[in-house]
Each structure stands twice: as C-alpha cells, then as structure tokens.
Amino acid sequence: MKDKSYNDKMVTFTVLPIIYVWIMASSAVVYTGITKPEIVLENLDGFIALIAIIGGVALPALNTLLRTWEAEKTNQIADMPEKYLHARGEDSLEHEHMMIIEKQDNTHKVNIESFQVKGCDDCE
C-alpha cells in the first residue's frame, strides 16, 4: 500500500489505541469477574466507571475520525477501477513504445550489418 494518509495516521495513533485500551479494560473486568467474582461485585461501580470513562470520553472523537476515515476509504474504493484502467493504459503505451524502440534498434543493426557487408572504402 502507498504512504498512509493523514486520516490513516490519525486512526492508527488515536482511535486504535483507545479501542485497544477499552477492550483490555473490559476483558480484564470480565476475566476478573469470572475468576474472582467477589472482587468485581464489591467494586462494580468502579469497574463500570472505568469502562465508561475510557469509552465515553473519546466517543465523539472516535465517531468523527471513523466517519472521516470511512468516507476516505469509500472514495478510494470508488476510484479503484479508474486507477486500474489508467495503469493498464499506461502499460499498453509503454509496451507499444518498447516495441517501436526494439524495431528501430533491429533496423539499425540490419543497416549497420548490410553496410559492413557491402564495405565502405571511403569510410575509413
């Protein structure tokens, strides 16, 4: 893939870490609730607050960044057929160009060989 866009970098450095922290905190609460339910039940309000703070504070930013990122990806996907057609056209033109160059090179070699076979006493 080409260089990442600004939105890709923003999602990578802000949204993903927040999501990972939220998943880890939620997983830790669930794991603790399964292995040591008495701890979670005693501190249930604290655990709920922890998960809510991590998930709730960043929610507007997450939604905005994700919507922007999604719109960018939608545009990139919409542009893909045009990019492929353009690349295919360029490849075709480059191939034609290389064929012309090879034809000219071969013609030049034949001309040189025929010139050397006939000889040229005046050329030396």
N, C-alpha and C. Protein backbone atom coordinates (compact mmCIF):
# COMPACT_ATOMS: atom_id res chain seq x y z
N MET A 1 0.84 -1.18 0.00
CA MET A 1 0.00 0.00 0.00
C MET A 1 0.89 1.24 0.00
N LYS A 2 0.35 2.33 -0.59
CA LYS A 2 1.10 3.57 -0.67
C LYS A 2 1.23 4.20 0.72
N ASP A 3 1.88 5.36 0.76
CA ASP A 3 2.03 6.08 2.03
C ASP A 3 0.67 6.31 2.66
N LYS A 4 0.65 6.26 3.97
CA LYS A 4 -0.61 6.45 4.69
C LYS A 4 -1.02 7.91 4.64
N SER A 5 -2.31 8.14 4.55
CA SER A 5 -2.85 9.50 4.55
C SER A 5 -2.88 10.01 5.99
N TYR A 6 -3.21 11.29 6.12
CA TYR A 6 -3.33 11.89 7.44
C TYR A 6 -4.40 11.18 8.26
N ASN A 7 -5.53 10.87 7.63
CA ASN A 7 -6.61 10.19 8.36
C ASN A 7 -6.20 8.79 8.79
N ASP A 8 -5.45 8.08 7.94
CA ASP A 8 -4.96 6.76 8.32
C ASP A 8 -4.07 6.86 9.55
N LYS A 9 -3.21 7.87 9.56
CA LYS A 9 -2.31 8.05 10.71
C LYS A 9 -3.10 8.41 11.97
N MET A 10 -4.10 9.30 11.81
CA MET A 10 -4.91 9.68 12.97
C MET A 10 -5.64 8.48 13.55
N VAL A 11 -6.21 7.66 12.69
CA VAL A 11 -6.90 6.46 13.16
C VAL A 11 -5.91 5.52 13.84
N THR A 12 -4.74 5.36 13.24
CA THR A 12 -3.74 4.46 13.79
C THR A 12 -3.24 4.91 15.16
N PHE A 13 -3.02 6.20 15.32
CA PHE A 13 -2.40 6.69 16.55
C PHE A 13 -3.38 7.14 17.63
N THR A 14 -4.65 7.35 17.31
CA THR A 14 -5.59 7.79 18.33
C THR A 14 -6.72 6.80 18.56
N VAL A 15 -7.40 6.45 17.49
CA VAL A 15 -8.58 5.60 17.63
C VAL A 15 -8.21 4.18 18.05
N LEU A 16 -7.26 3.60 17.36
CA LEU A 16 -6.91 2.21 17.66
C LEU A 16 -6.39 2.01 19.08
N PRO A 17 -5.47 2.86 19.58
CA PRO A 17 -5.04 2.67 20.97
C PRO A 17 -6.19 2.79 21.98
N ILE A 18 -7.11 3.73 21.75
CA ILE A 18 -8.24 3.89 22.67
C ILE A 18 -9.12 2.64 22.63
N ILE A 19 -9.35 2.13 21.44
CA ILE A 19 -10.14 0.91 21.32
C ILE A 19 -9.44 -0.26 22.02
N TYR A 20 -8.12 -0.37 21.82
CA TYR A 20 -7.37 -1.45 22.47
C TYR A 20 -7.41 -1.34 23.99
N VAL A 21 -7.27 -0.12 24.51
CA VAL A 21 -7.34 0.08 25.97
C VAL A 21 -8.72 -0.30 26.49
N TRP A 22 -9.76 0.12 25.77
CA TRP A 22 -11.13 -0.21 26.18
C TRP A 22 -11.35 -1.72 26.16
N ILE A 23 -10.87 -2.40 25.12
CA ILE A 23 -11.01 -3.86 25.04
C ILE A 23 -10.24 -4.53 26.17
N MET A 24 -9.02 -4.05 26.44
CA MET A 24 -8.23 -4.66 27.53
C MET A 24 -8.89 -4.46 28.88
N ALA A 25 -9.39 -3.23 29.13
CA ALA A 25 -10.04 -2.96 30.41
C ALA A 25 -11.32 -3.80 30.55
N SER A 26 -12.10 -3.86 29.51
CA SER A 26 -13.33 -4.66 29.55
C SER A 26 -13.01 -6.14 29.73
N SER A 27 -12.00 -6.60 29.02
CA SER A 27 -11.60 -8.01 29.15
C SER A 27 -11.09 -8.32 30.56
N ALA A 28 -10.34 -7.37 31.12
CA ALA A 28 -9.84 -7.57 32.48
C ALA A 28 -10.99 -7.65 33.48
N VAL A 29 -12.01 -6.80 33.30
CA VAL A 29 -13.17 -6.83 34.20
C VAL A 29 -13.91 -8.16 34.05
N VAL A 30 -14.10 -8.59 32.82
CA VAL A 30 -14.80 -9.86 32.60
C VAL A 30 -13.99 -11.02 33.16
N TYR A 31 -12.69 -11.03 32.90
CA TYR A 31 -11.83 -12.11 33.41
C TYR A 31 -11.84 -12.13 34.94
N THR A 32 -11.71 -10.95 35.53
CA THR A 32 -11.74 -10.87 36.99
C THR A 32 -13.10 -11.30 37.52
N GLY A 33 -14.15 -10.93 36.82
CA GLY A 33 -15.50 -11.32 37.24
C GLY A 33 -15.69 -12.83 37.19
N ILE A 34 -15.04 -13.49 36.25
CA ILE A 34 -15.15 -14.94 36.15
C ILE A 34 -14.28 -15.63 37.20
N THR A 35 -13.05 -15.18 37.36
CA THR A 35 -12.13 -15.85 38.28
C THR A 35 -12.33 -15.44 39.74
N LYS A 36 -12.63 -14.17 39.97
CA LYS A 36 -12.81 -13.67 41.34
C LYS A 36 -14.05 -12.79 41.40
N PRO A 37 -15.23 -13.38 41.34
CA PRO A 37 -16.46 -12.57 41.28
C PRO A 37 -16.65 -11.66 42.49
N GLU A 38 -16.14 -12.05 43.64
CA GLU A 38 -16.34 -11.22 44.82
C GLU A 38 -15.65 -9.85 44.68
N ILE A 39 -14.50 -9.81 43.99
CA ILE A 39 -13.80 -8.53 43.80
C ILE A 39 -14.61 -7.61 42.89
N VAL A 40 -15.12 -8.18 41.81
CA VAL A 40 -15.88 -7.36 40.85
C VAL A 40 -17.19 -6.90 41.48
N LEU A 41 -17.87 -7.78 42.19
CA LEU A 41 -19.14 -7.40 42.80
C LEU A 41 -18.96 -6.31 43.84
N GLU A 42 -17.86 -6.35 44.61
CA GLU A 42 -17.60 -5.32 45.62
C GLU A 42 -17.28 -3.98 44.97
N ASN A 43 -16.60 -4.01 43.82
CA ASN A 43 -16.15 -2.78 43.16
C ASN A 43 -16.83 -2.57 41.80
N LEU A 44 -18.04 -3.04 41.67
CA LEU A 44 -18.74 -2.99 40.40
C LEU A 44 -18.89 -1.56 39.87
N ASP A 45 -19.22 -0.63 40.74
CA ASP A 45 -19.37 0.77 40.31
C ASP A 45 -18.06 1.33 39.76
N GLY A 46 -16.96 0.98 40.42
CA GLY A 46 -15.64 1.44 39.96
C GLY A 46 -15.28 0.87 38.59
N PHE A 47 -15.55 -0.40 38.40
CA PHE A 47 -15.25 -1.03 37.11
C PHE A 47 -16.13 -0.45 36.00
N ILE A 48 -17.39 -0.23 36.29
CA ILE A 48 -18.29 0.36 35.30
C ILE A 48 -17.83 1.78 34.96
N ALA A 49 -17.42 2.52 35.97
CA ALA A 49 -16.94 3.88 35.73
C ALA A 49 -15.67 3.87 34.87
N LEU A 50 -14.77 2.93 35.14
CA LEU A 50 -13.53 2.82 34.36
C LEU A 50 -13.84 2.58 32.89
N ILE A 51 -14.69 1.61 32.63
CA ILE A 51 -15.04 1.29 31.24
C ILE A 51 -15.79 2.45 30.60
N ALA A 52 -16.69 3.09 31.34
CA ALA A 52 -17.45 4.21 30.79
C ALA A 52 -16.57 5.41 30.49
N ILE A 53 -15.61 5.69 31.38
CA ILE A 53 -14.72 6.84 31.16
C ILE A 53 -13.87 6.61 29.91
N ILE A 54 -13.29 5.43 29.80
CA ILE A 54 -12.44 5.15 28.64
C ILE A 54 -13.26 5.19 27.35
N GLY A 55 -14.44 4.57 27.37
CA GLY A 55 -15.27 4.51 26.17
C GLY A 55 -16.02 5.79 25.88
N GLY A 56 -16.46 6.50 26.93
CA GLY A 56 -17.31 7.67 26.74
C GLY A 56 -16.61 8.96 26.42
N VAL A 57 -15.43 9.18 26.97
CA VAL A 57 -14.73 10.45 26.75
C VAL A 57 -14.30 10.59 25.29
N ALA A 58 -13.86 9.49 24.71
CA ALA A 58 -13.34 9.55 23.35
C ALA A 58 -14.40 9.30 22.28
N LEU A 59 -15.62 9.01 22.66
CA LEU A 59 -16.64 8.63 21.69
C LEU A 59 -16.87 9.67 20.60
N PRO A 60 -17.05 10.96 20.89
CA PRO A 60 -17.25 11.93 19.80
C PRO A 60 -16.06 11.98 18.83
N ALA A 61 -14.86 11.96 19.37
CA ALA A 61 -13.67 11.97 18.51
C ALA A 61 -13.59 10.69 17.70
N LEU A 62 -13.89 9.59 18.33
CA LEU A 62 -13.85 8.31 17.63
C LEU A 62 -14.85 8.30 16.47
N ASN A 63 -16.05 8.75 16.74
CA ASN A 63 -17.07 8.77 15.68
C ASN A 63 -16.66 9.68 14.53
N THR A 64 -16.14 10.85 14.85
CA THR A 64 -15.73 11.79 13.81
C THR A 64 -14.59 11.22 12.98
N LEU A 65 -13.57 10.71 13.65
CA LEU A 65 -12.43 10.14 12.94
C LEU A 65 -12.84 8.93 12.10
N LEU A 66 -13.66 8.10 12.67
CA LEU A 66 -14.07 6.91 11.93
C LEU A 66 -14.94 7.26 10.73
N ARG A 67 -15.83 8.25 10.87
CA ARG A 67 -16.64 8.68 9.74
C ARG A 67 -15.77 9.28 8.63
N THR A 68 -14.80 10.10 9.01
CA THR A 68 -13.90 10.70 8.04
C THR A 68 -13.08 9.63 7.34
N TRP A 69 -12.56 8.70 8.11
CA TRP A 69 -11.76 7.61 7.57
C TRP A 69 -12.59 6.74 6.63
N GLU A 70 -13.83 6.46 7.03
CA GLU A 70 -14.72 5.65 6.21
C GLU A 70 -15.03 6.35 4.88
N ALA A 71 -15.26 7.64 4.93
CA ALA A 71 -15.53 8.40 3.70
C ALA A 71 -14.32 8.37 2.77
N GLU A 72 -13.13 8.51 3.35
CA GLU A 72 -11.92 8.46 2.54
C GLU A 72 -11.75 7.10 1.89
N LYS A 73 -11.98 6.04 2.64
CA LYS A 73 -11.85 4.69 2.10
C LYS A 73 -12.91 4.44 1.02
N THR A 74 -14.11 4.97 1.21
CA THR A 74 -15.15 4.81 0.20
C THR A 74 -14.73 5.48 -1.10
N ASN A 75 -14.14 6.67 -1.00
CA ASN A 75 -13.66 7.37 -2.20
C ASN A 75 -12.53 6.60 -2.86
N GLN A 76 -11.63 6.04 -2.06
CA GLN A 76 -10.53 5.26 -2.62
C GLN A 76 -11.06 4.03 -3.36
N ILE A 77 -12.05 3.38 -2.79
CA ILE A 77 -12.62 2.20 -3.44
C ILE A 77 -13.34 2.60 -4.72
N ALA A 78 -14.02 3.73 -4.71
CA ALA A 78 -14.72 4.20 -5.90
C ALA A 78 -13.74 4.55 -7.02
N ASP A 79 -12.55 5.02 -6.66
CA ASP A 79 -11.54 5.40 -7.65
C ASP A 79 -10.73 4.22 -8.17
N MET A 80 -10.83 3.07 -7.55
CA MET A 80 -10.00 1.93 -7.95
C MET A 80 -10.15 1.53 -9.41
N PRO A 81 -11.38 1.38 -9.94
CA PRO A 81 -11.48 0.98 -11.35
C PRO A 81 -10.80 1.97 -12.29
N GLU A 82 -10.95 3.26 -12.01
CA GLU A 82 -10.31 4.27 -12.86
C GLU A 82 -8.79 4.17 -12.78
N LYS A 83 -8.27 3.93 -11.59
CA LYS A 83 -6.82 3.79 -11.44
C LYS A 83 -6.31 2.58 -12.20
N TYR A 84 -7.06 1.47 -12.13
CA TYR A 84 -6.64 0.26 -12.85
C TYR A 84 -6.69 0.47 -14.36
N LEU A 85 -7.74 1.14 -14.84
CA LEU A 85 -7.82 1.43 -16.28
C LEU A 85 -6.68 2.32 -16.72
N HIS A 86 -6.37 3.31 -15.91
CA HIS A 86 -5.27 4.22 -16.23
C HIS A 86 -3.94 3.46 -16.25
N ALA A 87 -3.70 2.64 -15.24
CA ALA A 87 -2.46 1.86 -15.18
C ALA A 87 -2.36 0.91 -16.37
N ARG A 88 -3.48 0.29 -16.72
CA ARG A 88 -3.48 -0.63 -17.86
C ARG A 88 -3.17 0.11 -19.15
N GLY A 89 -3.75 1.30 -19.31
CA GLY A 89 -3.46 2.12 -20.48
C GLY A 89 -1.99 2.52 -20.56
N GLU A 90 -1.43 2.90 -19.42
CA GLU A 90 -0.01 3.26 -19.38
C GLU A 90 0.86 2.07 -19.74
N ASP A 91 0.52 0.89 -19.21
CA ASP A 91 1.28 -0.31 -19.54
C ASP A 91 1.23 -0.61 -21.02
N SER A 92 0.05 -0.43 -21.62
CA SER A 92 -0.11 -0.68 -23.05
C SER A 92 0.74 0.30 -23.86
N LEU A 93 0.70 1.56 -23.48
CA LEU A 93 1.50 2.56 -24.19
C LEU A 93 3.00 2.30 -24.02
N GLU A 94 3.40 1.90 -22.83
CA GLU A 94 4.81 1.60 -22.60
C GLU A 94 5.24 0.40 -23.44
N HIS A 95 4.37 -0.61 -23.54
CA HIS A 95 4.68 -1.78 -24.35
C HIS A 95 4.83 -1.39 -25.82
N GLU A 96 3.91 -0.58 -26.33
CA GLU A 96 4.00 -0.11 -27.72
C GLU A 96 5.30 0.65 -27.94
N HIS A 97 5.65 1.50 -26.99
CA HIS A 97 6.87 2.28 -27.10
C HIS A 97 8.10 1.37 -27.14
N MET A 98 8.13 0.38 -26.29
CA MET A 98 9.27 -0.55 -26.27
C MET A 98 9.35 -1.34 -27.58
N MET A 99 8.21 -1.70 -28.15
CA MET A 99 8.20 -2.42 -29.42
C MET A 99 8.76 -1.54 -30.54
N ILE A 100 8.40 -0.27 -30.55
CA ILE A 100 8.91 0.67 -31.56
C ILE A 100 10.42 0.82 -31.41
N ILE A 101 10.88 0.97 -30.18
CA ILE A 101 12.32 1.12 -29.93
C ILE A 101 13.07 -0.13 -30.39
N GLU A 102 12.54 -1.31 -30.07
CA GLU A 102 13.20 -2.55 -30.49
C GLU A 102 13.20 -2.67 -32.01
N LYS A 103 12.12 -2.28 -32.66
CA LYS A 103 12.06 -2.33 -34.12
C LYS A 103 13.11 -1.40 -34.72
N GLN A 104 13.20 -0.19 -34.18
CA GLN A 104 14.20 0.75 -34.68
C GLN A 104 15.61 0.24 -34.43
N ASP A 105 15.82 -0.36 -33.27
CA ASP A 105 17.14 -0.90 -32.94
C ASP A 105 17.50 -2.04 -33.90
N ASN A 106 16.54 -2.91 -34.17
CA ASN A 106 16.80 -4.02 -35.10
C ASN A 106 17.08 -3.50 -36.51
N THR A 107 16.30 -2.51 -36.95
CA THR A 107 16.52 -1.91 -38.26
C THR A 107 17.90 -1.29 -38.33
N HIS A 108 18.29 -0.63 -37.28
CA HIS A 108 19.61 0.00 -37.22
C HIS A 108 20.71 -1.06 -37.30
N LYS A 109 20.56 -2.16 -36.58
CA LYS A 109 21.56 -3.24 -36.61
C LYS A 109 21.65 -3.86 -38.00
N VAL A 110 20.50 -4.08 -38.65
CA VAL A 110 20.50 -4.63 -40.01
C VAL A 110 21.19 -3.67 -40.97
N ASN A 111 20.91 -2.39 -40.84
CA ASN A 111 21.55 -1.40 -41.70
C ASN A 111 23.06 -1.38 -41.50
N ILE A 112 23.50 -1.48 -40.27
CA ILE A 112 24.94 -1.49 -39.99
C ILE A 112 25.58 -2.74 -40.57
N GLU A 113 24.92 -3.90 -40.38
CA GLU A 113 25.47 -5.15 -40.91
C GLU A 113 25.53 -5.12 -42.44
N SER A 114 24.48 -4.62 -43.08
CA SER A 114 24.49 -4.57 -44.55
C SER A 114 25.54 -3.57 -45.03
N PHE A 115 25.74 -2.52 -44.27
CA PHE A 115 26.75 -1.53 -44.63
C PHE A 115 28.13 -2.15 -44.52
N GLN A 116 28.37 -2.96 -43.48
CA GLN A 116 29.67 -3.60 -43.29
C GLN A 116 29.90 -4.69 -44.33
N VAL A 117 28.85 -5.40 -44.74
CA VAL A 117 28.98 -6.46 -45.74
C VAL A 117 29.34 -5.86 -47.09
N LYS A 118 28.67 -4.77 -47.48
CA LYS A 118 28.95 -4.11 -48.77
C LYS A 118 30.33 -3.49 -48.75
N GLY A 119 30.72 -3.07 -47.57
CA GLY A 119 32.02 -2.42 -47.44
C GLY A 119 31.94 -0.96 -47.78
N CYS A 120 32.84 -0.26 -47.19
CA CYS A 120 32.89 1.17 -47.44
C CYS A 120 34.35 1.57 -47.37
N ASP A 121 34.97 1.66 -48.50
CA ASP A 121 36.40 2.00 -48.54
C ASP A 121 36.61 3.47 -48.20
N ASP A 122 35.63 4.27 -48.47
CA ASP A 122 35.75 5.71 -48.22
C ASP A 122 35.54 6.08 -46.75
N CYS A 123 34.94 5.14 -45.96
CA CYS A 123 34.57 5.44 -44.57
C CYS A 123 35.73 5.36 -43.61
N GLU A 124 36.81 4.72 -43.98
CA GLU A 124 37.91 4.55 -43.03
C GLU A 124 38.89 5.64 -43.05
